[in-house]
């Protein structure tokens, strides 16, 4: 089974299923309280999201970062 304690279905790179796979792997790493594995899974999740954003929306992660920054400000001042 490798690093993970769960049987995790494989997703297809560039598709939403890969994001789900990487999130479940991150969740498993969190449940194991394995900080190094969590960082690895966060990196994999980032890559899965990056490819999905490019494939699905023809956008870059910098575009998502702009949206994220707006949301962050709204969270801070409670205006969302």
C-alpha atoms as a PDB file:
ATOM      1  CA  UNK A   1       0.000   0.000   0.000  1.00  0.00           C
ATOM      2  CA  UNK A   2       3.013   2.319   0.259  1.00  0.00           C
ATOM      3  CA  UNK A   3       2.808   5.600   2.167  1.00  0.00           C
ATOM      4  CA  UNK A   4      -0.944   5.582   2.555  1.00  0.00           C
ATOM      5  CA  UNK A   5      -3.144   3.590   4.906  1.00  0.00           C
ATOM      6  CA  UNK A   6      -6.201   3.851   2.643  1.00  0.00           C
ATOM      7  CA  UNK A   7      -6.905   2.379  -0.751  1.00  0.00           C
ATOM      8  CA  UNK A   8      -7.130   5.572  -2.813  1.00  0.00           C
ATOM      9  CA  UNK A   9      -8.557   5.480  -6.341  1.00  0.00           C
ATOM     10  CA  UNK A  10      -6.269   6.994  -8.970  1.00  0.00           C
ATOM     11  CA  UNK A  11      -7.398  10.084 -10.831  1.00  0.00           C
ATOM     12  CA  UNK A  12      -6.536  11.249 -14.313  1.00  0.00           C
ATOM     13  CA  UNK A  13      -3.987  14.069 -14.545  1.00  0.00           C
ATOM     14  CA  UNK A  14      -5.643  17.268 -15.768  1.00  0.00           C
ATOM     15  CA  UNK A  15      -9.066  16.126 -14.600  1.00  0.00           C
ATOM     16  CA  UNK A  16     -11.007  16.828 -11.413  1.00  0.00           C
ATOM     17  CA  UNK A  17     -10.528  13.196 -10.369  1.00  0.00           C
ATOM     18  CA  UNK A  18      -6.792  13.880  -9.849  1.00  0.00           C
ATOM     19  CA  UNK A  19      -7.590  16.757  -7.480  1.00  0.00           C
ATOM     20  CA  UNK A  20      -9.847  14.409  -5.511  1.00  0.00           C
ATOM     21  CA  UNK A  21      -7.115  11.759  -5.398  1.00  0.00           C
ATOM     22  CA  UNK A  22      -4.512  14.185  -4.111  1.00  0.00           C
ATOM     23  CA  UNK A  23      -6.911  15.615  -1.518  1.00  0.00           C
ATOM     24  CA  UNK A  24      -7.704  12.153  -0.169  1.00  0.00           C
ATOM     25  CA  UNK A  25      -3.967  11.416  -0.026  1.00  0.00           C
ATOM     26  CA  UNK A  26      -3.451  14.675   1.887  1.00  0.00           C
ATOM     27  CA  UNK A  27      -6.247  13.727   4.255  1.00  0.00           C
ATOM     28  CA  UNK A  28      -4.629  10.333   4.821  1.00  0.00           C
ATOM     29  CA  UNK A  29      -1.264  12.002   5.523  1.00  0.00           C
ATOM     30  CA  UNK A  30      -3.002  14.320   8.009  1.00  0.00           C
ATOM     31  CA  UNK A  31      -4.684  11.372   9.734  1.00  0.00           C
ATOM     32  CA  UNK A  32      -1.238   9.739  10.032  1.00  0.00           C
ATOM     33  CA  UNK A  33       0.124  13.006  11.479  1.00  0.00           C
ATOM     34  CA  UNK A  34       2.961  12.781   8.938  1.00  0.00           C
ATOM     35  CA  UNK A  35       4.101  16.348   8.290  1.00  0.00           C
ATOM     36  CA  UNK A  36       6.568  15.486   5.526  1.00  0.00           C
ATOM     37  CA  UNK A  37       3.966  13.428   3.660  1.00  0.00           C
ATOM     38  CA  UNK A  38       1.466  16.273   4.088  1.00  0.00           C
ATOM     39  CA  UNK A  39       3.888  18.671   2.398  1.00  0.00           C
ATOM     40  CA  UNK A  40       4.430  16.204  -0.440  1.00  0.00           C
ATOM     41  CA  UNK A  41       0.692  15.805  -0.901  1.00  0.00           C
ATOM     42  CA  UNK A  42       0.153  19.570  -0.828  1.00  0.00           C
ATOM     43  CA  UNK A  43       2.707  19.872  -3.625  1.00  0.00           C
ATOM     44  CA  UNK A  44       0.923  17.125  -5.577  1.00  0.00           C
ATOM     45  CA  UNK A  45      -2.433  18.801  -4.958  1.00  0.00           C
ATOM     46  CA  UNK A  46      -1.046  22.106  -6.222  1.00  0.00           C
ATOM     47  CA  UNK A  47       0.184  20.399  -9.387  1.00  0.00           C
ATOM     48  CA  UNK A  48      -3.170  18.687  -9.925  1.00  0.00           C
ATOM     49  CA  UNK A  49      -5.025  21.978  -9.490  1.00  0.00           C
ATOM     50  CA  UNK A  50      -2.555  23.784 -11.741  1.00  0.00           C
ATOM     51  CA  UNK A  51      -3.061  21.305 -14.583  1.00  0.00           C
ATOM     52  CA  UNK A  52      -6.850  21.286 -14.136  1.00  0.00           C
ATOM     53  CA  UNK A  53      -7.020  25.100 -14.229  1.00  0.00           C
ATOM     54  CA  UNK A  54      -4.932  25.191 -17.394  1.00  0.00           C
ATOM     55  CA  UNK A  55      -6.831  22.381 -19.116  1.00  0.00           C
ATOM     56  CA  UNK A  56     -10.367  23.353 -18.065  1.00  0.00           C
ATOM     57  CA  UNK A  57     -10.160  27.160 -18.066  1.00  0.00           C
ATOM     58  CA  UNK A  58      -7.018  27.932 -20.081  1.00  0.00           C
ATOM     59  CA  UNK A  59      -5.772  29.976 -17.129  1.00  0.00           C
ATOM     60  CA  UNK A  60      -2.669  30.021 -14.956  1.00  0.00           C
ATOM     61  CA  UNK A  61      -2.293  29.678 -11.194  1.00  0.00           C
ATOM     62  CA  UNK A  62      -1.452  33.392 -11.042  1.00  0.00           C
ATOM     63  CA  UNK A  63      -5.063  34.047 -12.081  1.00  0.00           C
ATOM     64  CA  UNK A  64      -6.317  31.844  -9.254  1.00  0.00           C
ATOM     65  CA  UNK A  65      -3.976  33.679  -6.851  1.00  0.00           C
ATOM     66  CA  UNK A  66      -5.646  36.984  -7.761  1.00  0.00           C
ATOM     67  CA  UNK A  67      -9.042  35.527  -6.867  1.00  0.00           C
ATOM     68  CA  UNK A  68      -7.602  34.067  -3.670  1.00  0.00           C
ATOM     69  CA  UNK A  69      -6.165  37.425  -2.609  1.00  0.00           C
ATOM     70  CA  UNK A  70      -9.575  39.066  -3.010  1.00  0.00           C
ATOM     71  CA  UNK A  71     -11.190  36.343  -0.927  1.00  0.00           C
ATOM     72  CA  UNK A  72      -8.500  36.676   1.746  1.00  0.00           C
ATOM     73  CA  UNK A  73      -9.235  40.382   2.111  1.00  0.00           C
ATOM     74  CA  UNK A  74     -12.952  39.684   2.353  1.00  0.00           C
ATOM     75  CA  UNK A  75     -12.305  37.078   5.074  1.00  0.00           C
ATOM     76  CA  UNK A  76     -10.140  39.543   7.018  1.00  0.00           C
ATOM     77  CA  UNK A  77     -12.669  42.371   7.064  1.00  0.00           C
ATOM     78  CA  UNK A  78     -15.758  40.158   7.144  1.00  0.00           C
ATOM     79  CA  UNK A  79     -17.280  41.702   4.022  1.00  0.00           C
ATOM     80  CA  UNK A  80     -17.880  38.623   1.950  1.00  0.00           C
END
